[in-house]
Amino acid sequence: MAWKFHNNAPIFVQIMDEIKLRIAKGELKAGDKVPPVRELALKAGVNPNTMQKALSELEREGVLYSERTSGRFVADVSEGENRMREGISLKYIETYVSGMKELGYTKEEIICILEKYLNEEGM
């Protein structure tokens, strides 16, 4: 797992987003065991308390669940998987659109550039 953090959001939120992204992409599936907090924190290069906060928040949201002596697992979020993907995609769109607006592009120009890009990619 490669972890990259930026200064635009708290690290625990970025950790939550990364785990949700991996679930949405199918890298983590319902029932998969999540590594222990200290192991994840070491891999991510963050304080264990930060990782604990992110994982606890994911539990509160129902993305993960704990079994008392076995650890944390990915919850069955098949119903919410599309909502999770949509939420993640909206963040990408917001970043793209705000960047294009900063460059001075209009709505029509942004759409045109995006359509051109998608056509060139064969989508």
Protein backbone atom coordinates (compact mmCIF):
# COMPACT_ATOMS: atom_id res chain seq x y z
CA MET A 1 0.00 0.00 0.00
CA ALA A 2 1.50 3.32 -1.08
CA TRP A 3 0.29 6.18 1.08
CA LYS A 4 0.52 9.76 -0.19
CA PHE A 5 -0.74 12.64 1.89
CA HIS A 6 -1.32 16.30 1.02
CA ASN A 7 -2.00 19.41 3.08
CA ASN A 8 -5.56 19.97 1.84
CA ALA A 9 -7.29 17.77 4.44
CA PRO A 10 -6.54 16.18 7.82
CA ILE A 11 -4.48 13.01 7.51
CA PHE A 12 -7.11 10.84 9.22
CA VAL A 13 -9.66 11.93 6.59
CA GLN A 14 -7.19 11.09 3.81
CA ILE A 15 -6.65 7.65 5.37
CA MET A 16 -10.42 7.11 5.46
CA ASP A 17 -10.71 8.17 1.83
CA GLU A 18 -7.88 5.83 0.80
CA ILE A 19 -9.48 2.85 2.52
CA LYS A 20 -12.87 3.68 0.96
CA LEU A 21 -11.19 3.98 -2.44
CA ARG A 22 -9.61 0.55 -2.06
CA ILE A 23 -13.00 -0.91 -1.16
CA ALA A 24 -14.67 0.82 -4.12
CA LYS A 25 -11.94 -0.50 -6.45
CA GLY A 26 -12.39 -4.02 -5.09
CA GLU A 27 -8.91 -4.22 -3.56
CA LEU A 28 -10.54 -4.72 -0.16
CA LYS A 29 -13.62 -6.91 -0.03
CA ALA A 30 -16.30 -7.63 2.55
CA GLY A 31 -14.89 -9.84 5.28
CA ASP A 32 -11.23 -8.98 4.59
CA LYS A 33 -9.20 -8.52 7.76
CA VAL A 34 -7.69 -5.08 8.20
CA PRO A 35 -4.09 -5.11 9.47
CA PRO A 36 -3.55 -3.93 13.06
CA VAL A 37 -3.40 -0.19 13.77
CA ARG A 38 0.33 -0.14 14.48
CA GLU A 39 1.16 -2.05 11.31
CA LEU A 40 -0.98 0.25 9.16
CA ALA A 41 0.44 3.33 10.87
CA LEU A 42 3.99 2.16 10.22
CA LYS A 43 3.24 1.46 6.52
CA ALA A 44 1.50 4.82 6.13
CA GLY A 45 4.15 6.71 8.08
CA VAL A 46 1.65 8.22 10.50
CA ASN A 47 1.12 8.27 14.25
CA PRO A 48 -0.84 5.22 15.48
CA ASN A 49 -3.35 7.58 17.12
CA THR A 50 -4.10 9.12 13.72
CA MET A 51 -4.64 5.68 12.20
CA GLN A 52 -6.83 4.66 15.15
CA LYS A 53 -8.97 7.75 14.68
CA ALA A 54 -9.46 6.98 10.97
CA LEU A 55 -10.35 3.34 11.57
CA SER A 56 -12.71 4.21 14.42
CA GLU A 57 -14.44 6.74 12.21
CA LEU A 58 -14.79 4.11 9.45
CA GLU A 59 -16.37 1.79 12.01
CA ARG A 60 -18.77 4.53 13.03
CA GLU A 61 -19.73 4.93 9.35
CA GLY A 62 -20.27 1.18 9.01
CA VAL A 63 -17.42 0.67 6.53
CA LEU A 64 -15.45 -1.48 8.99
CA TYR A 65 -16.48 -3.56 11.98
CA SER A 66 -14.61 -5.07 14.93
CA GLU A 67 -14.72 -8.54 16.35
CA ARG A 68 -13.60 -8.47 19.93
CA THR A 69 -10.59 -10.80 19.77
CA SER A 70 -10.07 -11.06 16.02
CA GLY A 71 -9.54 -7.46 14.91
CA ARG A 72 -11.17 -5.25 12.30
CA PHE A 73 -12.80 -6.36 9.08
CA VAL A 74 -14.32 -4.77 5.99
CA ALA A 75 -18.09 -4.61 6.36
CA ASP A 76 -20.44 -5.75 3.63
CA VAL A 77 -21.10 -2.40 2.04
CA SER A 78 -22.45 -3.72 -1.25
CA GLU A 79 -25.55 -1.53 -0.90
CA GLY A 80 -23.46 1.55 -0.14
CA GLU A 81 -20.65 0.71 -2.57
CA ASN A 82 -22.12 2.81 -5.38
CA ARG A 83 -22.66 5.74 -3.02
CA MET A 84 -19.06 5.37 -1.88
CA ARG A 85 -17.81 5.38 -5.48
CA GLU A 86 -19.99 8.38 -6.29
CA GLY A 87 -18.67 10.26 -3.26
CA ILE A 88 -15.09 9.57 -4.26
CA SER A 89 -15.74 10.54 -7.88
CA LEU A 90 -17.33 13.82 -6.78
CA LYS A 91 -14.14 14.72 -4.91
CA TYR A 92 -12.12 14.11 -8.10
CA ILE A 93 -14.56 16.19 -10.13
CA GLU A 94 -14.50 19.04 -7.61
CA THR A 95 -10.70 19.09 -7.68
CA TYR A 96 -10.62 19.07 -11.49
CA VAL A 97 -13.29 21.75 -11.94
CA SER A 98 -11.87 24.08 -9.30
CA GLY A 99 -8.40 23.74 -10.86
CA MET A 100 -9.77 24.52 -14.32
CA LYS A 101 -11.70 27.52 -12.97
CA GLU A 102 -8.49 28.83 -11.36
CA LEU A 103 -6.92 28.63 -14.82
CA GLY A 104 -9.76 30.76 -16.16
CA TYR A 105 -11.70 28.16 -18.12
CA THR A 106 -15.45 28.53 -18.58
CA LYS A 107 -17.95 25.73 -18.02
CA GLU A 108 -18.22 25.16 -21.77
CA GLU A 109 -14.44 25.04 -22.19
CA ILE A 110 -14.08 22.58 -19.32
CA ILE A 111 -16.70 20.29 -20.88
CA CYS A 112 -15.05 20.55 -24.30
CA ILE A 113 -11.58 19.71 -22.90
CA LEU A 114 -12.99 16.79 -20.92
CA GLU A 115 -14.88 15.42 -23.93
CA LYS A 116 -11.75 15.71 -26.09
CA TYR A 117 -9.72 13.88 -23.46
CA LEU A 118 -12.27 11.08 -23.10
CA ASN A 119 -12.53 10.65 -26.88
CA GLU A 120 -8.75 10.41 -27.17
CA GLU A 121 -8.71 7.79 -24.42
CA GLY A 122 -11.28 5.73 -26.34
CA MET A 123 -13.99 6.02 -23.72
